[in-house]
N, C-alpha and C. Protein backbone atom coordinates (compact mmCIF):
# COMPACT_ATOMS: atom_id res chain seq x y z
N MET A 1 0.82 -1.20 0.00
CA MET A 1 0.00 0.00 0.00
C MET A 1 0.86 1.25 0.00
N SER A 2 2.06 1.18 0.54
CA SER A 2 2.96 2.32 0.59
C SER A 2 3.32 2.80 -0.81
N GLU A 3 3.54 1.86 -1.73
CA GLU A 3 3.86 2.24 -3.11
C GLU A 3 2.71 3.00 -3.76
N LEU A 4 1.48 2.58 -3.48
CA LEU A 4 0.31 3.27 -4.02
C LEU A 4 0.21 4.68 -3.43
N ASN A 5 0.44 4.82 -2.14
CA ASN A 5 0.43 6.14 -1.52
C ASN A 5 1.50 7.03 -2.10
N ASP A 6 2.68 6.47 -2.36
CA ASP A 6 3.76 7.24 -2.97
C ASP A 6 3.37 7.70 -4.37
N LEU A 7 2.73 6.81 -5.13
CA LEU A 7 2.27 7.17 -6.48
C LEU A 7 1.25 8.30 -6.41
N TYR A 8 0.28 8.17 -5.51
CA TYR A 8 -0.74 9.20 -5.36
C TYR A 8 -0.12 10.53 -4.96
N GLN A 9 0.83 10.49 -4.03
CA GLN A 9 1.49 11.72 -3.61
C GLN A 9 2.23 12.35 -4.79
N SER A 10 2.87 11.54 -5.61
CA SER A 10 3.61 12.10 -6.75
C SER A 10 2.65 12.70 -7.78
N VAL A 11 1.48 12.11 -7.97
CA VAL A 11 0.48 12.68 -8.88
C VAL A 11 0.04 14.05 -8.39
N ILE A 12 -0.24 14.16 -7.10
CA ILE A 12 -0.67 15.43 -6.53
C ILE A 12 0.42 16.48 -6.65
N LEU A 13 1.65 16.12 -6.32
CA LEU A 13 2.76 17.07 -6.41
C LEU A 13 3.00 17.50 -7.85
N ASP A 14 2.92 16.57 -8.78
CA ASP A 14 3.12 16.90 -10.20
C ASP A 14 2.07 17.89 -10.70
N HIS A 15 0.81 17.64 -10.38
CA HIS A 15 -0.26 18.54 -10.83
C HIS A 15 -0.21 19.89 -10.11
N ASN A 16 0.33 19.92 -8.90
CA ASN A 16 0.51 21.19 -8.21
C ASN A 16 1.63 22.00 -8.86
N ARG A 17 2.72 21.35 -9.19
CA ARG A 17 3.87 22.04 -9.78
C ARG A 17 3.65 22.43 -11.23
N ARG A 18 2.97 21.55 -11.98
CA ARG A 18 2.74 21.79 -13.41
C ARG A 18 1.26 21.55 -13.72
N PRO A 19 0.41 22.47 -13.27
CA PRO A 19 -1.03 22.27 -13.48
C PRO A 19 -1.38 22.26 -14.97
N ARG A 20 -2.27 21.36 -15.32
CA ARG A 20 -2.76 21.26 -16.69
C ARG A 20 -3.94 22.22 -16.85
N ASN A 21 -4.11 22.71 -18.07
CA ASN A 21 -5.23 23.61 -18.41
C ASN A 21 -5.24 24.85 -17.52
N TYR A 22 -4.06 25.37 -17.24
CA TYR A 22 -3.92 26.55 -16.39
C TYR A 22 -3.86 27.79 -17.25
N GLY A 23 -4.68 28.76 -16.93
CA GLY A 23 -4.69 30.03 -17.65
C GLY A 23 -6.12 30.39 -18.02
N GLU A 24 -6.31 31.64 -18.35
CA GLU A 24 -7.65 32.13 -18.71
C GLU A 24 -8.10 31.53 -20.04
N LEU A 25 -9.40 31.48 -20.23
CA LEU A 25 -10.01 31.00 -21.46
C LEU A 25 -10.81 32.15 -22.05
N ALA A 26 -10.23 32.82 -23.04
CA ALA A 26 -10.80 34.05 -23.58
C ALA A 26 -12.20 33.85 -24.15
N GLU A 27 -12.46 32.76 -24.83
CA GLU A 27 -13.76 32.56 -25.48
C GLU A 27 -14.74 31.75 -24.62
N ALA A 28 -14.56 31.82 -23.32
CA ALA A 28 -15.43 31.08 -22.40
C ALA A 28 -16.85 31.62 -22.43
N ASP A 29 -17.80 30.72 -22.21
CA ASP A 29 -19.18 31.17 -22.07
C ASP A 29 -19.70 30.94 -20.66
N GLY A 30 -18.82 30.52 -19.77
CA GLY A 30 -19.16 30.40 -18.35
C GLY A 30 -17.92 30.66 -17.51
N LYS A 31 -18.11 31.31 -16.39
CA LYS A 31 -16.99 31.65 -15.50
C LYS A 31 -17.52 31.73 -14.08
N ALA A 32 -16.74 31.22 -13.14
CA ALA A 32 -17.10 31.35 -11.72
C ALA A 32 -15.82 31.47 -10.90
N GLU A 33 -15.94 32.17 -9.80
CA GLU A 33 -14.83 32.32 -8.87
C GLU A 33 -15.17 31.54 -7.60
N GLY A 34 -14.17 30.87 -7.07
CA GLY A 34 -14.37 30.10 -5.86
C GLY A 34 -13.32 30.46 -4.82
N ARG A 35 -13.74 30.37 -3.58
CA ARG A 35 -12.83 30.70 -2.48
C ARG A 35 -13.15 29.79 -1.30
N ASN A 36 -12.11 29.26 -0.71
CA ASN A 36 -12.25 28.48 0.52
C ASN A 36 -11.75 29.38 1.64
N SER A 37 -12.66 29.96 2.38
CA SER A 37 -12.30 30.93 3.42
C SER A 37 -11.56 30.28 4.59
N LEU A 38 -11.64 28.96 4.72
CA LEU A 38 -10.95 28.29 5.82
C LEU A 38 -9.44 28.31 5.66
N CYS A 39 -8.96 28.22 4.41
CA CYS A 39 -7.51 28.16 4.22
C CYS A 39 -6.99 29.18 3.21
N GLY A 40 -7.86 29.91 2.54
CA GLY A 40 -7.42 30.94 1.62
C GLY A 40 -7.27 30.53 0.17
N ASP A 41 -7.63 29.29 -0.17
CA ASP A 41 -7.56 28.87 -1.58
C ASP A 41 -8.53 29.72 -2.39
N GLU A 42 -8.08 30.19 -3.56
CA GLU A 42 -8.93 30.95 -4.47
C GLU A 42 -8.65 30.49 -5.88
N LEU A 43 -9.72 30.36 -6.66
CA LEU A 43 -9.52 30.03 -8.07
C LEU A 43 -10.70 30.52 -8.90
N THR A 44 -10.41 30.63 -10.19
CA THR A 44 -11.43 30.99 -11.17
C THR A 44 -11.44 29.88 -12.21
N VAL A 45 -12.63 29.45 -12.59
CA VAL A 45 -12.80 28.40 -13.60
C VAL A 45 -13.56 29.00 -14.77
N TRP A 46 -13.05 28.78 -15.97
CA TRP A 46 -13.72 29.16 -17.20
C TRP A 46 -14.12 27.90 -17.95
N VAL A 47 -15.26 27.94 -18.61
CA VAL A 47 -15.73 26.79 -19.37
C VAL A 47 -16.28 27.26 -20.71
N LYS A 48 -16.02 26.47 -21.73
CA LYS A 48 -16.57 26.70 -23.07
C LYS A 48 -17.39 25.47 -23.41
N ARG A 49 -18.68 25.69 -23.69
CA ARG A 49 -19.57 24.59 -24.05
C ARG A 49 -19.69 24.46 -25.56
N ASP A 50 -19.95 23.25 -25.98
CA ASP A 50 -20.33 22.97 -27.36
C ASP A 50 -21.57 22.09 -27.25
N GLY A 51 -22.73 22.73 -27.31
CA GLY A 51 -23.97 22.01 -27.03
C GLY A 51 -23.97 21.57 -25.58
N GLY A 52 -24.13 20.29 -25.36
CA GLY A 52 -24.15 19.75 -24.01
C GLY A 52 -22.82 19.19 -23.57
N THR A 53 -21.74 19.59 -24.25
CA THR A 53 -20.41 19.07 -23.95
C THR A 53 -19.50 20.17 -23.43
N ILE A 54 -18.60 19.81 -22.55
CA ILE A 54 -17.57 20.74 -22.08
C ILE A 54 -16.44 20.70 -23.10
N ALA A 55 -16.44 21.67 -24.01
CA ALA A 55 -15.44 21.70 -25.07
C ALA A 55 -14.06 22.07 -24.53
N ASP A 56 -14.03 22.98 -23.57
CA ASP A 56 -12.77 23.40 -22.98
C ASP A 56 -13.02 23.89 -21.57
N VAL A 57 -12.03 23.75 -20.72
CA VAL A 57 -12.12 24.21 -19.34
C VAL A 57 -10.71 24.57 -18.89
N ARG A 58 -10.61 25.69 -18.22
CA ARG A 58 -9.32 26.17 -17.72
C ARG A 58 -9.53 26.81 -16.35
N PHE A 59 -8.42 27.00 -15.65
CA PHE A 59 -8.51 27.63 -14.33
C PHE A 59 -7.24 28.42 -14.04
N VAL A 60 -7.36 29.37 -13.15
CA VAL A 60 -6.23 30.04 -12.52
C VAL A 60 -6.54 30.14 -11.04
N GLY A 61 -5.50 30.19 -10.25
CA GLY A 61 -5.72 30.36 -8.83
C GLY A 61 -4.48 30.06 -8.03
N HIS A 62 -4.65 30.20 -6.75
CA HIS A 62 -3.56 29.89 -5.83
C HIS A 62 -4.16 29.25 -4.58
N GLY A 63 -3.31 28.51 -3.93
CA GLY A 63 -3.73 27.83 -2.72
C GLY A 63 -2.84 26.65 -2.45
N CYS A 64 -3.33 25.74 -1.66
CA CYS A 64 -2.55 24.58 -1.27
C CYS A 64 -2.40 23.59 -2.44
N ALA A 65 -1.50 22.64 -2.25
CA ALA A 65 -1.23 21.64 -3.29
C ALA A 65 -2.46 20.83 -3.63
N ILE A 66 -3.28 20.50 -2.62
CA ILE A 66 -4.49 19.70 -2.85
C ILE A 66 -5.45 20.48 -3.75
N SER A 67 -5.67 21.72 -3.46
CA SER A 67 -6.60 22.56 -4.22
C SER A 67 -6.16 22.70 -5.68
N LYS A 68 -4.90 23.02 -5.88
CA LYS A 68 -4.39 23.24 -7.23
C LYS A 68 -4.36 21.93 -8.02
N ALA A 69 -3.90 20.85 -7.38
CA ALA A 69 -3.86 19.55 -8.06
C ALA A 69 -5.27 19.08 -8.41
N SER A 70 -6.21 19.29 -7.52
CA SER A 70 -7.59 18.88 -7.79
C SER A 70 -8.16 19.64 -8.98
N ALA A 71 -7.88 20.93 -9.07
CA ALA A 71 -8.36 21.73 -10.21
C ALA A 71 -7.74 21.23 -11.51
N SER A 72 -6.46 20.94 -11.49
CA SER A 72 -5.78 20.44 -12.67
C SER A 72 -6.34 19.08 -13.10
N LEU A 73 -6.47 18.17 -12.15
CA LEU A 73 -7.01 16.84 -12.44
C LEU A 73 -8.46 16.92 -12.93
N MET A 74 -9.22 17.84 -12.32
CA MET A 74 -10.62 18.01 -12.71
C MET A 74 -10.71 18.42 -14.18
N THR A 75 -9.88 19.40 -14.59
CA THR A 75 -9.98 19.86 -15.97
C THR A 75 -9.69 18.73 -16.95
N GLN A 76 -8.72 17.89 -16.61
CA GLN A 76 -8.43 16.75 -17.47
C GLN A 76 -9.58 15.75 -17.51
N ALA A 77 -10.23 15.57 -16.37
CA ALA A 77 -11.30 14.57 -16.27
C ALA A 77 -12.56 14.97 -17.01
N VAL A 78 -12.85 16.27 -17.12
CA VAL A 78 -14.13 16.69 -17.69
C VAL A 78 -14.03 17.27 -19.10
N LYS A 79 -12.86 17.67 -19.52
CA LYS A 79 -12.70 18.26 -20.84
C LYS A 79 -13.11 17.28 -21.93
N GLY A 80 -14.02 17.73 -22.80
CA GLY A 80 -14.51 16.89 -23.88
C GLY A 80 -15.67 15.98 -23.51
N LYS A 81 -16.08 16.01 -22.25
CA LYS A 81 -17.16 15.14 -21.80
C LYS A 81 -18.51 15.86 -21.82
N PRO A 82 -19.59 15.11 -22.02
CA PRO A 82 -20.92 15.70 -21.86
C PRO A 82 -21.08 16.21 -20.43
N ILE A 83 -21.81 17.29 -20.28
CA ILE A 83 -21.99 17.90 -18.96
C ILE A 83 -22.59 16.92 -17.97
N ASP A 84 -23.56 16.11 -18.39
CA ASP A 84 -24.17 15.16 -17.45
C ASP A 84 -23.17 14.09 -17.02
N GLU A 85 -22.25 13.71 -17.89
CA GLU A 85 -21.22 12.75 -17.52
C GLU A 85 -20.22 13.39 -16.54
N ALA A 86 -19.88 14.64 -16.76
CA ALA A 86 -18.99 15.37 -15.84
C ALA A 86 -19.64 15.45 -14.46
N GLU A 87 -20.94 15.64 -14.43
CA GLU A 87 -21.66 15.69 -13.16
C GLU A 87 -21.58 14.34 -12.44
N GLN A 88 -21.66 13.25 -13.18
CA GLN A 88 -21.54 11.92 -12.58
C GLN A 88 -20.13 11.70 -12.01
N VAL A 89 -19.11 12.18 -12.74
CA VAL A 89 -17.74 12.08 -12.24
C VAL A 89 -17.62 12.87 -10.94
N PHE A 90 -18.21 14.07 -10.90
CA PHE A 90 -18.18 14.87 -9.67
C PHE A 90 -18.81 14.11 -8.52
N GLU A 91 -19.97 13.51 -8.74
CA GLU A 91 -20.65 12.79 -7.66
C GLU A 91 -19.80 11.64 -7.13
N ARG A 92 -19.15 10.88 -8.03
CA ARG A 92 -18.29 9.77 -7.59
C ARG A 92 -17.06 10.30 -6.84
N PHE A 93 -16.46 11.37 -7.38
CA PHE A 93 -15.30 11.98 -6.76
C PHE A 93 -15.66 12.52 -5.37
N HIS A 94 -16.78 13.21 -5.28
CA HIS A 94 -17.18 13.81 -4.01
C HIS A 94 -17.47 12.72 -2.97
N ALA A 95 -18.07 11.63 -3.38
CA ALA A 95 -18.32 10.51 -2.46
C ALA A 95 -16.99 9.94 -1.95
N LEU A 96 -15.98 9.88 -2.82
CA LEU A 96 -14.68 9.37 -2.43
C LEU A 96 -13.98 10.29 -1.43
N VAL A 97 -13.92 11.57 -1.74
CA VAL A 97 -13.17 12.49 -0.86
C VAL A 97 -13.90 12.79 0.45
N THR A 98 -15.20 12.59 0.48
CA THR A 98 -15.93 12.79 1.74
C THR A 98 -16.01 11.51 2.56
N GLY A 99 -15.48 10.42 2.03
CA GLY A 99 -15.45 9.16 2.77
C GLY A 99 -16.73 8.36 2.71
N ARG A 100 -17.68 8.76 1.85
CA ARG A 100 -18.92 8.00 1.73
C ARG A 100 -18.71 6.70 0.98
N THR A 101 -17.58 6.60 0.25
CA THR A 101 -17.22 5.37 -0.44
C THR A 101 -15.71 5.30 -0.53
N LYS A 102 -15.21 4.10 -0.70
CA LYS A 102 -13.78 3.91 -0.95
C LYS A 102 -13.57 3.52 -2.42
N GLU A 103 -14.67 3.42 -3.15
CA GLU A 103 -14.64 2.99 -4.56
C GLU A 103 -14.10 4.11 -5.44
N SER A 104 -12.98 3.83 -6.10
CA SER A 104 -12.38 4.84 -6.97
C SER A 104 -12.31 4.37 -8.43
N GLU A 105 -12.91 3.22 -8.71
CA GLU A 105 -12.89 2.70 -10.07
C GLU A 105 -13.54 3.70 -11.03
N GLY A 106 -12.89 3.93 -12.14
CA GLY A 106 -13.40 4.84 -13.15
C GLY A 106 -13.01 6.29 -12.92
N LEU A 107 -12.31 6.58 -11.83
CA LEU A 107 -11.91 7.96 -11.56
C LEU A 107 -10.50 8.27 -12.06
N GLY A 108 -9.77 7.26 -12.49
CA GLY A 108 -8.43 7.49 -13.00
C GLY A 108 -7.56 8.19 -11.97
N SER A 109 -6.82 9.21 -12.42
CA SER A 109 -5.88 9.93 -11.55
C SER A 109 -6.57 10.67 -10.42
N LEU A 110 -7.87 10.93 -10.55
CA LEU A 110 -8.60 11.59 -9.47
C LEU A 110 -8.55 10.78 -8.18
N ALA A 111 -8.35 9.47 -8.30
CA ALA A 111 -8.27 8.61 -7.13
C ALA A 111 -7.13 9.03 -6.20
N ALA A 112 -6.14 9.73 -6.72
CA ALA A 112 -5.01 10.19 -5.91
C ALA A 112 -5.47 11.08 -4.77
N LEU A 113 -6.62 11.71 -4.92
CA LEU A 113 -7.14 12.62 -3.89
C LEU A 113 -8.04 11.93 -2.87
N GLY A 114 -8.23 10.64 -3.01
CA GLY A 114 -9.09 9.90 -2.09
C GLY A 114 -8.64 9.94 -0.65
N GLY A 115 -7.35 10.08 -0.42
CA GLY A 115 -6.82 10.12 0.94
C GLY A 115 -7.26 11.31 1.76
N VAL A 116 -7.76 12.36 1.10
CA VAL A 116 -8.19 13.54 1.87
C VAL A 116 -9.40 13.23 2.74
N SER A 117 -10.08 12.13 2.48
CA SER A 117 -11.23 11.79 3.31
C SER A 117 -10.83 11.58 4.77
N ARG A 118 -9.57 11.29 5.01
CA ARG A 118 -9.08 11.12 6.39
C ARG A 118 -8.83 12.46 7.08
N PHE A 119 -8.90 13.55 6.31
CA PHE A 119 -8.62 14.89 6.84
C PHE A 119 -9.77 15.81 6.45
N PRO A 120 -10.84 15.83 7.23
CA PRO A 120 -12.05 16.57 6.84
C PRO A 120 -11.81 18.02 6.42
N ILE A 121 -10.85 18.69 7.00
CA ILE A 121 -10.60 20.08 6.64
C ILE A 121 -10.09 20.19 5.20
N ARG A 122 -9.47 19.13 4.68
CA ARG A 122 -8.91 19.12 3.32
C ARG A 122 -9.96 18.78 2.26
N VAL A 123 -11.09 18.25 2.66
CA VAL A 123 -12.16 17.92 1.70
C VAL A 123 -12.57 19.17 0.93
N LYS A 124 -12.65 20.29 1.61
CA LYS A 124 -13.03 21.54 0.94
C LYS A 124 -11.97 21.97 -0.05
N CYS A 125 -10.71 21.71 0.26
CA CYS A 125 -9.63 22.02 -0.67
C CYS A 125 -9.77 21.19 -1.95
N ALA A 126 -10.08 19.91 -1.78
CA ALA A 126 -10.19 19.00 -2.93
C ALA A 126 -11.44 19.25 -3.75
N SER A 127 -12.50 19.74 -3.13
CA SER A 127 -13.77 19.90 -3.86
C SER A 127 -14.03 21.32 -4.36
N LEU A 128 -13.19 22.28 -3.98
CA LEU A 128 -13.39 23.66 -4.38
C LEU A 128 -13.52 23.82 -5.89
N ALA A 129 -12.60 23.26 -6.65
CA ALA A 129 -12.63 23.41 -8.11
C ALA A 129 -13.91 22.83 -8.70
N TRP A 130 -14.36 21.72 -8.15
CA TRP A 130 -15.56 21.06 -8.66
C TRP A 130 -16.81 21.89 -8.44
N HIS A 131 -16.94 22.44 -7.25
CA HIS A 131 -18.09 23.30 -6.98
C HIS A 131 -18.04 24.56 -7.85
N THR A 132 -16.84 25.06 -8.07
CA THR A 132 -16.69 26.24 -8.92
C THR A 132 -17.03 25.92 -10.36
N LEU A 133 -16.62 24.76 -10.84
CA LEU A 133 -17.00 24.32 -12.20
C LEU A 133 -18.51 24.24 -12.32
N ARG A 134 -19.16 23.65 -11.35
CA ARG A 134 -20.62 23.52 -11.40
C ARG A 134 -21.28 24.90 -11.48
N ARG A 135 -20.72 25.86 -10.77
CA ARG A 135 -21.26 27.22 -10.84
C ARG A 135 -21.02 27.81 -12.23
N ALA A 136 -19.85 27.58 -12.79
CA ALA A 136 -19.54 28.11 -14.12
C ALA A 136 -20.47 27.52 -15.18
N LEU A 137 -20.85 26.27 -14.98
CA LEU A 137 -21.77 25.60 -15.90
C LEU A 137 -23.24 25.94 -15.61
N GLY A 138 -23.49 26.50 -14.44
CA GLY A 138 -24.86 26.79 -14.05
C GLY A 138 -25.61 25.58 -13.57
N THR A 139 -24.88 24.53 -13.15
CA THR A 139 -25.53 23.29 -12.70
C THR A 139 -25.52 23.13 -11.20
N ASP A 140 -24.96 24.08 -10.47
CA ASP A 140 -24.83 23.94 -9.03
C ASP A 140 -25.90 24.76 -8.32
N ALA A 141 -26.93 24.06 -7.86
CA ALA A 141 -27.87 24.72 -6.95
C ALA A 141 -27.06 24.90 -5.68
N VAL A 142 -26.98 26.07 -5.15
CA VAL A 142 -26.09 26.36 -4.04
C VAL A 142 -26.34 25.38 -2.92
N ALA A 143 -25.37 24.53 -2.69
CA ALA A 143 -25.47 23.52 -1.65
C ALA A 143 -25.08 24.12 -0.31
N THR A 144 -25.65 23.59 0.73
CA THR A 144 -25.35 24.13 2.06
C THR A 144 -23.92 23.85 2.47
N ASP A 145 -23.29 22.79 1.93
CA ASP A 145 -21.92 22.48 2.31
C ASP A 145 -20.91 22.96 1.27
N ALA A 146 -21.36 23.69 0.26
CA ALA A 146 -20.45 24.12 -0.80
C ALA A 146 -19.45 25.13 -0.25
N PRO A 147 -18.14 24.87 -0.45
CA PRO A 147 -17.12 25.76 0.07
C PRO A 147 -16.85 26.94 -0.84
N VAL A 148 -17.70 27.17 -1.80
CA VAL A 148 -17.45 28.18 -2.82
C VAL A 148 -18.24 29.43 -2.53
N SER A 149 -17.58 30.55 -2.68
CA SER A 149 -18.31 31.81 -2.67
C SER A 149 -17.99 32.48 -3.99
N THR A 150 -18.99 32.97 -4.65
CA THR A 150 -18.74 33.68 -5.89
C THR A 150 -18.83 35.16 -5.60
N GLU A 151 -17.94 35.89 -6.25
CA GLU A 151 -17.86 37.32 -5.96
C GLU A 151 -18.09 38.11 -7.22
């Protein structure tokens, strides 16, 4: 199990150091800002739709390694996917990081963030980008536990 933890840690560190899909998206048709007031993580997510598909998604922001890596991994996981499929990925991911399940099959590299379920304060760091994406898409009915504030 130690080798798996080492692999997961290296995935998180890699995405923190070299985030994918980082930068503004000029032709976006959706944008939301998210902030985790508990630790100071802040990010902005831009999305470009093509019908019911997420044609492109990008982010900028700063914060802890978990927050930045999660945003990077999220963009890779949802880019090119139908919005309803991206929503299903979010639900599975959120269940994993909140500890409601240990099942990570089908989540690919997102499984690297499953360990945050042992640290409840870090769940908000891992889910910030996802809640912000949902706001950018207009699919997030403001949840009572959402760590996102839009400004």
